[in-house]
Amino acid sequence: MPELVFFSGTMDCGKSTLALQIGHNRSARGLQGVIFTRDDRAGEGKLSSRLGLVTNAVEAHEGMDVYAHLVGLLSEGGRVDYVIVDEAQFLSPGQIDQLARVVDDLNLDVFAFGITTDFRTKLFPGSQRLIELADRIETLQVEALCWCGARATHNARTVDGVMVVEGTQVVVGDVNQSSAEVGYEVLCRRHHRREMTAAAARAAALSPDVLPVATG
């Protein structure tokens, strides 16, 4: 039976790499898929992995009816055997409903990839709807690590190298971005709560306040 599968995890845990691998494995068996993405770091209409792999995709703009798009392709004689959606957290709840309809009415597997919570630890609306509707939820087994070595569970946003906890939910950036720009970092819950990024930890380690003081 076709399924709506939600592959979730933090940034830097290999979601886009797995999406590309699933597409490759199916295309190698003669299957044809449609890849949707939204606000990928590589630009519009791209699905990219931090390993350097990039492929073309359909940009799922705000307001786009993904179900109608696929019906249009099929009506014109196109072939669609499966659907991949990367950056699924950026889709609207209505678009997630459309993906469920693709599974139920078009009998196609839909593989959606995304992070569940934003830099404020709040659910993305698209991810929340996927949790509510998905036939199966898979947590990525490749663990991203916090700077302290613990398992990273939270995504942090930095501006000019400083962690922020307020602002617009969606701002496109990437991990290891220039500190003069909007960037992201994965942290464990403890250090996300303390707003302690890798840069902040280094600064604290170098502070004279934490160095031993010799007494006469």
C-alpha atoms as a PDB file:
ATOM      1  CA  MET A   1       0.000   0.000   0.000  1.00  0.00           C
ATOM      2  CA  PRO A   2       1.285   3.507  -0.785  1.00  0.00           C
ATOM      3  CA  GLU A   3       2.364   5.539   2.244  1.00  0.00           C
ATOM      4  CA  LEU A   4       2.989   9.089   3.343  1.00  0.00           C
ATOM      5  CA  VAL A   5       6.299   8.808   5.191  1.00  0.00           C
ATOM      6  CA  PHE A   6       7.811  11.663   7.180  1.00  0.00           C
ATOM      7  CA  PHE A   7      11.589  11.464   7.685  1.00  0.00           C
ATOM      8  CA  SER A   8      12.479  13.919  10.428  1.00  0.00           C
ATOM      9  CA  GLY A   9      15.590  15.094  12.213  1.00  0.00           C
ATOM     10  CA  THR A  10      17.644  18.146  13.051  1.00  0.00           C
ATOM     11  CA  MET A  11      19.731  20.015  10.539  1.00  0.00           C
ATOM     12  CA  ASP A  12      22.928  18.232   9.547  1.00  0.00           C
ATOM     13  CA  CYS A  13      21.555  14.676  10.018  1.00  0.00           C
ATOM     14  CA  GLY A  14      21.443  13.689   6.342  1.00  0.00           C
ATOM     15  CA  LYS A  15      17.806  14.255   5.359  1.00  0.00           C
ATOM     16  CA  SER A  16      18.549  15.657   1.905  1.00  0.00           C
ATOM     17  CA  THR A  17      21.209  13.011   1.304  1.00  0.00           C
ATOM     18  CA  LEU A  18      18.669  10.286   2.054  1.00  0.00           C
ATOM     19  CA  ALA A  19      16.101  11.972  -0.194  1.00  0.00           C
ATOM     20  CA  LEU A  20      18.620  11.923  -3.047  1.00  0.00           C
ATOM     21  CA  GLN A  21      19.504   8.290  -2.310  1.00  0.00           C
ATOM     22  CA  ILE A  22      15.857   7.201  -2.364  1.00  0.00           C
ATOM     23  CA  GLY A  23      15.408   8.958  -5.704  1.00  0.00           C
ATOM     24  CA  HIS A  24      18.568   7.369  -7.101  1.00  0.00           C
ATOM     25  CA  ASN A  25      17.605   3.858  -5.998  1.00  0.00           C
ATOM     26  CA  ARG A  26      14.172   4.097  -7.608  1.00  0.00           C
ATOM     27  CA  SER A  27      15.367   5.695 -10.819  1.00  0.00           C
ATOM     28  CA  ALA A  28      17.983   2.933 -11.126  1.00  0.00           C
ATOM     29  CA  ARG A  29      15.057   0.476 -11.217  1.00  0.00           C
ATOM     30  CA  GLY A  30      13.342   2.377 -14.011  1.00  0.00           C
ATOM     31  CA  LEU A  31      10.896   4.304 -11.832  1.00  0.00           C
ATOM     32  CA  GLN A  32      10.171   7.982 -12.414  1.00  0.00           C
ATOM     33  CA  GLY A  33       9.530  10.393  -9.589  1.00  0.00           C
ATOM     34  CA  VAL A  34       8.735  14.026  -8.993  1.00  0.00           C
ATOM     35  CA  ILE A  35      10.823  15.941  -6.460  1.00  0.00           C
ATOM     36  CA  PHE A  36       9.401  18.982  -4.696  1.00  0.00           C
ATOM     37  CA  THR A  37      11.391  21.337  -2.509  1.00  0.00           C
ATOM     38  CA  ARG A  38      11.010  24.718  -0.860  1.00  0.00           C
ATOM     39  CA  ASP A  39      13.666  27.319  -0.023  1.00  0.00           C
ATOM     40  CA  ASP A  40      16.646  25.000  -0.532  1.00  0.00           C
ATOM     41  CA  ARG A  41      20.055  26.450   0.363  1.00  0.00           C
ATOM     42  CA  ALA A  42      21.194  25.934  -3.264  1.00  0.00           C
ATOM     43  CA  GLY A  43      18.448  28.141  -4.680  1.00  0.00           C
ATOM     44  CA  GLU A  44      15.026  27.840  -6.250  1.00  0.00           C
ATOM     45  CA  GLY A  45      14.131  24.519  -7.848  1.00  0.00           C
ATOM     46  CA  LYS A  46      17.087  22.638  -6.339  1.00  0.00           C
ATOM     47  CA  LEU A  47      17.481  19.767  -3.913  1.00  0.00           C
ATOM     48  CA  SER A  48      20.960  19.808  -2.440  1.00  0.00           C
ATOM     49  CA  SER A  49      22.922  17.863   0.131  1.00  0.00           C
ATOM     50  CA  ARG A  50      25.790  19.180   2.234  1.00  0.00           C
ATOM     51  CA  LEU A  51      27.867  16.384   0.697  1.00  0.00           C
ATOM     52  CA  GLY A  52      27.788  18.404  -2.533  1.00  0.00           C
ATOM     53  CA  LEU A  53      25.077  16.501  -4.415  1.00  0.00           C
ATOM     54  CA  VAL A  54      22.469  18.596  -6.233  1.00  0.00           C
ATOM     55  CA  THR A  55      19.504  17.760  -8.462  1.00  0.00           C
ATOM     56  CA  ASN A  56      16.705  19.715 -10.064  1.00  0.00           C
ATOM     57  CA  ALA A  57      13.346  19.866  -8.312  1.00  0.00           C
ATOM     58  CA  VAL A  58       9.966  21.550  -8.520  1.00  0.00           C
ATOM     59  CA  GLU A  59       9.760  24.587  -6.242  1.00  0.00           C
ATOM     60  CA  ALA A  60       6.624  24.226  -4.125  1.00  0.00           C
ATOM     61  CA  HIS A  61       5.784  27.900  -3.917  1.00  0.00           C
ATOM     62  CA  GLU A  62       3.343  29.210  -1.337  1.00  0.00           C
ATOM     63  CA  GLY A  63      -0.165  28.612  -2.650  1.00  0.00           C
ATOM     64  CA  MET A  64       0.876  25.901  -5.109  1.00  0.00           C
ATOM     65  CA  ASP A  65      -1.489  22.919  -5.282  1.00  0.00           C
ATOM     66  CA  VAL A  66       0.906  19.972  -5.371  1.00  0.00           C
ATOM     67  CA  TYR A  67      -1.926  17.504  -5.947  1.00  0.00           C
ATOM     68  CA  ALA A  68      -3.191  19.459  -8.971  1.00  0.00           C
ATOM     69  CA  HIS A  69       0.378  19.722 -10.290  1.00  0.00           C
ATOM     70  CA  LEU A  70       0.759  15.950 -10.282  1.00  0.00           C
ATOM     71  CA  VAL A  71      -2.695  15.377 -11.755  1.00  0.00           C
ATOM     72  CA  GLY A  72      -1.737  17.770 -14.544  1.00  0.00           C
ATOM     73  CA  LEU A  73       1.430  15.812 -15.296  1.00  0.00           C
ATOM     74  CA  LEU A  74      -0.464  12.526 -15.381  1.00  0.00           C
ATOM     75  CA  SER A  75      -3.251  13.998 -17.532  1.00  0.00           C
ATOM     76  CA  GLU A  76      -0.672  15.070 -20.101  1.00  0.00           C
ATOM     77  CA  GLY A  77       0.645  11.512 -20.365  1.00  0.00           C
ATOM     78  CA  GLY A  78       3.504  11.900 -17.917  1.00  0.00           C
ATOM     79  CA  ARG A  79       4.616   9.111 -15.638  1.00  0.00           C
ATOM     80  CA  VAL A  80       4.898   9.482 -11.880  1.00  0.00           C
ATOM     81  CA  ASP A  81       5.778   6.465  -9.726  1.00  0.00           C
ATOM     82  CA  TYR A  82       6.640   8.239  -6.466  1.00  0.00           C
ATOM     83  CA  VAL A  83       6.998  11.692  -4.924  1.00  0.00           C
ATOM     84  CA  ILE A  84       9.834  13.138  -2.832  1.00  0.00           C
ATOM     85  CA  VAL A  85       9.419  16.356  -0.840  1.00  0.00           C
ATOM     86  CA  ASP A  86      12.436  17.979   0.778  1.00  0.00           C
ATOM     87  CA  GLU A  87      12.283  20.904   3.238  1.00  0.00           C
ATOM     88  CA  ALA A  88       8.716  19.754   3.913  1.00  0.00           C
ATOM     89  CA  GLN A  89       8.541  21.831   7.088  1.00  0.00           C
ATOM     90  CA  PHE A  90       8.172  24.937   4.896  1.00  0.00           C
ATOM     91  CA  LEU A  91       5.017  23.654   3.176  1.00  0.00           C
ATOM     92  CA  SER A  92       1.656  24.878   4.427  1.00  0.00           C
ATOM     93  CA  PRO A  93      -0.703  22.528   6.281  1.00  0.00           C
ATOM     94  CA  GLY A  94      -2.954  22.639   3.218  1.00  0.00           C
ATOM     95  CA  GLN A  95      -0.130  21.422   1.001  1.00  0.00           C
ATOM     96  CA  ILE A  96       0.505  18.555   3.432  1.00  0.00           C
ATOM     97  CA  ASP A  97      -3.179  17.644   3.087  1.00  0.00           C
ATOM     98  CA  GLN A  98      -2.621  17.586  -0.679  1.00  0.00           C
ATOM     99  CA  LEU A  99       0.286  15.166  -0.237  1.00  0.00           C
ATOM    100  CA  ALA A 100      -1.984  12.844   1.759  1.00  0.00           C
ATOM    101  CA  ARG A 101      -4.482  13.016  -1.081  1.00  0.00           C
ATOM    102  CA  VAL A 102      -1.716  12.076  -3.540  1.00  0.00           C
ATOM    103  CA  VAL A 103      -1.208   8.875  -1.538  1.00  0.00           C
ATOM    104  CA  ASP A 104      -4.903   8.084  -1.131  1.00  0.00           C
ATOM    105  CA  ASP A 105      -6.266   9.091  -4.542  1.00  0.00           C
ATOM    106  CA  LEU A 106      -3.289   8.634  -6.881  1.00  0.00           C
ATOM    107  CA  ASN A 107      -1.822   5.579  -5.092  1.00  0.00           C
ATOM    108  CA  LEU A 108       1.676   7.048  -4.987  1.00  0.00           C
ATOM    109  CA  ASP A 109       4.269   6.787  -2.236  1.00  0.00           C
ATOM    110  CA  VAL A 110       5.207  10.199  -0.842  1.00  0.00           C
ATOM    111  CA  PHE A 111       8.511  10.576   1.025  1.00  0.00           C
ATOM    112  CA  ALA A 112       8.676  13.863   2.935  1.00  0.00           C
ATOM    113  CA  PHE A 113      11.838  15.133   4.634  1.00  0.00           C
ATOM    114  CA  GLY A 114      12.065  17.954   7.118  1.00  0.00           C
ATOM    115  CA  ILE A 115      12.898  19.274  10.547  1.00  0.00           C
ATOM    116  CA  THR A 116      10.153  19.322  13.133  1.00  0.00           C
ATOM    117  CA  THR A 117      10.884  22.435  15.202  1.00  0.00           C
ATOM    118  CA  ASP A 118      12.275  25.874  14.464  1.00  0.00           C
ATOM    119  CA  PHE A 119      15.004  27.854  16.252  1.00  0.00           C
ATOM    120  CA  ARG A 120      12.470  28.744  18.980  1.00  0.00           C
ATOM    121  CA  THR A 121      11.716  25.013  19.570  1.00  0.00           C
ATOM    122  CA  LYS A 122       8.214  25.540  18.101  1.00  0.00           C
ATOM    123  CA  LEU A 123       6.707  23.121  15.580  1.00  0.00           C
ATOM    124  CA  PHE A 124       6.680  24.226  11.957  1.00  0.00           C
ATOM    125  CA  PRO A 125       3.043  24.146  10.748  1.00  0.00           C
ATOM    126  CA  GLY A 126       3.982  21.828   7.876  1.00  0.00           C
ATOM    127  CA  SER A 127       5.766  19.417  10.215  1.00  0.00           C
ATOM    128  CA  GLN A 128       2.896  19.469  12.671  1.00  0.00           C
ATOM    129  CA  ARG A 129       0.479  18.495   9.913  1.00  0.00           C
ATOM    130  CA  LEU A 130       2.813  15.717   8.759  1.00  0.00           C
ATOM    131  CA  ILE A 131       2.933  14.324  12.285  1.00  0.00           C
ATOM    132  CA  GLU A 132      -0.868  14.360  12.316  1.00  0.00           C
ATOM    133  CA  LEU A 133      -1.317  12.716   8.906  1.00  0.00           C
ATOM    134  CA  ALA A 134       1.720  10.566   8.097  1.00  0.00           C
ATOM    135  CA  ASP A 135       1.315   6.806   7.835  1.00  0.00           C
ATOM    136  CA  ARG A 136       4.806   6.472   9.232  1.00  0.00           C
ATOM    137  CA  ILE A 137       7.325   8.779  10.919  1.00  0.00           C
ATOM    138  CA  GLU A 138      10.996   7.876  10.711  1.00  0.00           C
ATOM    139  CA  THR A 139      13.668   9.600  12.792  1.00  0.00           C
ATOM    140  CA  LEU A 140      16.959   9.793  10.931  1.00  0.00           C
ATOM    141  CA  GLN A 141      19.557   7.478  12.462  1.00  0.00           C
ATOM    142  CA  VAL A 142      22.554   9.652  11.564  1.00  0.00           C
ATOM    143  CA  GLU A 143      22.901  11.738  14.717  1.00  0.00           C
ATOM    144  CA  ALA A 144      23.976  15.344  14.420  1.00  0.00           C
ATOM    145  CA  LEU A 145      26.198  16.374  17.319  1.00  0.00           C
ATOM    146  CA  CYS A 146      26.243  19.460  19.499  1.00  0.00           C
ATOM    147  CA  TRP A 147      29.624  21.161  19.949  1.00  0.00           C
ATOM    148  CA  CYS A 148      29.843  19.442  23.363  1.00  0.00           C
ATOM    149  CA  GLY A 149      29.619  16.000  21.766  1.00  0.00           C
ATOM    150  CA  ALA A 150      26.092  15.200  22.939  1.00  0.00           C
ATOM    151  CA  ARG A 151      23.318  14.312  20.495  1.00  0.00           C
ATOM    152  CA  ALA A 152      21.949  17.485  18.897  1.00  0.00           C
ATOM    153  CA  THR A 153      18.181  17.798  19.247  1.00  0.00           C
ATOM    154  CA  HIS A 154      17.553  21.500  18.598  1.00  0.00           C
ATOM    155  CA  ASN A 155      18.225  23.968  15.800  1.00  0.00           C
ATOM    156  CA  ALA A 156      19.664  27.354  16.777  1.00  0.00           C
ATOM    157  CA  ARG A 157      19.703  30.521  14.665  1.00  0.00           C
ATOM    158  CA  THR A 158      22.609  32.946  14.881  1.00  0.00           C
ATOM    159  CA  VAL A 159      22.852  36.519  13.667  1.00  0.00           C
ATOM    160  CA  ASP A 160      26.335  38.029  13.513  1.00  0.00           C
ATOM    161  CA  GLY A 161      27.472  34.943  15.374  1.00  0.00           C
ATOM    162  CA  VAL A 162      25.097  35.444  18.303  1.00  0.00           C
ATOM    163  CA  MET A 163      22.200  33.067  19.015  1.00  0.00           C
ATOM    164  CA  VAL A 164      18.734  34.598  18.736  1.00  0.00           C
ATOM    165  CA  VAL A 165      15.420  33.249  20.027  1.00  0.00           C
ATOM    166  CA  GLU A 166      13.019  35.710  18.421  1.00  0.00           C
ATOM    167  CA  GLY A 167      12.238  36.603  14.816  1.00  0.00           C
ATOM    168  CA  THR A 168      10.541  35.384  11.666  1.00  0.00           C
ATOM    169  CA  GLN A 169      10.106  31.615  11.640  1.00  0.00           C
ATOM    170  CA  VAL A 170      11.540  31.087   8.139  1.00  0.00           C
ATOM    171  CA  VAL A 171      14.852  32.713   7.224  1.00  0.00           C
ATOM    172  CA  VAL A 172      16.963  30.756   4.739  1.00  0.00           C
ATOM    173  CA  GLY A 173      20.462  30.032   5.963  1.00  0.00           C
ATOM    174  CA  ASP A 174      22.778  27.130   6.603  1.00  0.00           C
ATOM    175  CA  VAL A 175      25.045  25.589   9.187  1.00  0.00           C
ATOM    176  CA  ASN A 176      28.615  26.908   9.112  1.00  0.00           C
ATOM    177  CA  GLN A 177      27.379  30.117   7.490  1.00  0.00           C
ATOM    178  CA  SER A 178      29.527  33.231   7.705  1.00  0.00           C
ATOM    179  CA  SER A 179      29.153  34.760  11.169  1.00  0.00           C
ATOM    180  CA  ALA A 180      28.271  38.089   9.549  1.00  0.00           C
ATOM    181  CA  GLU A 181      25.065  36.530   8.191  1.00  0.00           C
ATOM    182  CA  VAL A 182      22.095  34.531   9.409  1.00  0.00           C
ATOM    183  CA  GLY A 183      23.358  31.057  10.209  1.00  0.00           C
ATOM    184  CA  TYR A 184      22.235  27.924  11.995  1.00  0.00           C
ATOM    185  CA  GLU A 185      23.799  25.512  14.451  1.00  0.00           C
ATOM    186  CA  VAL A 186      22.571  22.265  15.963  1.00  0.00           C
ATOM    187  CA  LEU A 187      22.700  22.039  19.765  1.00  0.00           C
ATOM    188  CA  CYS A 188      21.690  19.682  22.536  1.00  0.00           C
ATOM    189  CA  ARG A 189      18.726  20.816  24.636  1.00  0.00           C
ATOM    190  CA  ARG A 190      20.927  21.908  27.534  1.00  0.00           C
ATOM    191  CA  HIS A 191      23.018  24.282  25.467  1.00  0.00           C
ATOM    192  CA  HIS A 192      20.044  25.524  23.439  1.00  0.00           C
ATOM    193  CA  ARG A 193      18.332  26.486  26.720  1.00  0.00           C
ATOM    194  CA  ARG A 194      21.499  28.257  27.846  1.00  0.00           C
ATOM    195  CA  GLU A 195      21.945  29.887  24.392  1.00  0.00           C
ATOM    196  CA  MET A 196      25.482  28.485  24.402  1.00  0.00           C
ATOM    197  CA  THR A 197      26.734  28.067  20.832  1.00  0.00           C
ATOM    198  CA  ALA A 198      30.173  26.774  19.897  1.00  0.00           C
ATOM    199  CA  ALA A 199      31.406  30.365  19.486  1.00  0.00           C
ATOM    200  CA  ALA A 200      30.009  31.366  22.874  1.00  0.00           C
ATOM    201  CA  ALA A 201      31.659  28.346  24.480  1.00  0.00           C
ATOM    202  CA  ARG A 202      35.020  29.258  22.943  1.00  0.00           C
ATOM    203  CA  ALA A 203      34.671  32.837  24.140  1.00  0.00           C
ATOM    204  CA  ALA A 204      33.860  31.656  27.654  1.00  0.00           C
ATOM    205  CA  ALA A 205      36.881  29.357  27.676  1.00  0.00           C
ATOM    206  CA  LEU A 206      39.146  32.257  26.711  1.00  0.00           C
ATOM    207  CA  SER A 207      37.648  34.675  29.243  1.00  0.00           C
ATOM    208  CA  PRO A 208      40.052  35.794  32.009  1.00  0.00           C
ATOM    209  CA  ASP A 209      37.167  35.306  34.450  1.00  0.00           C
ATOM    210  CA  VAL A 210      37.476  31.541  34.193  1.00  0.00           C
ATOM    211  CA  LEU A 211      41.260  31.325  34.323  1.00  0.00           C
ATOM    212  CA  PRO A 212      42.969  30.401  37.594  1.00  0.00           C
ATOM    213  CA  VAL A 213      44.235  33.389  39.486  1.00  0.00           C
ATOM    214  CA  ALA A 214      47.578  33.071  41.218  1.00  0.00           C
ATOM    215  CA  THR A 215      47.690  34.385  44.768  1.00  0.00           C
ATOM    216  CA  GLY A 216      50.752  35.760  46.445  1.00  0.00           C
END
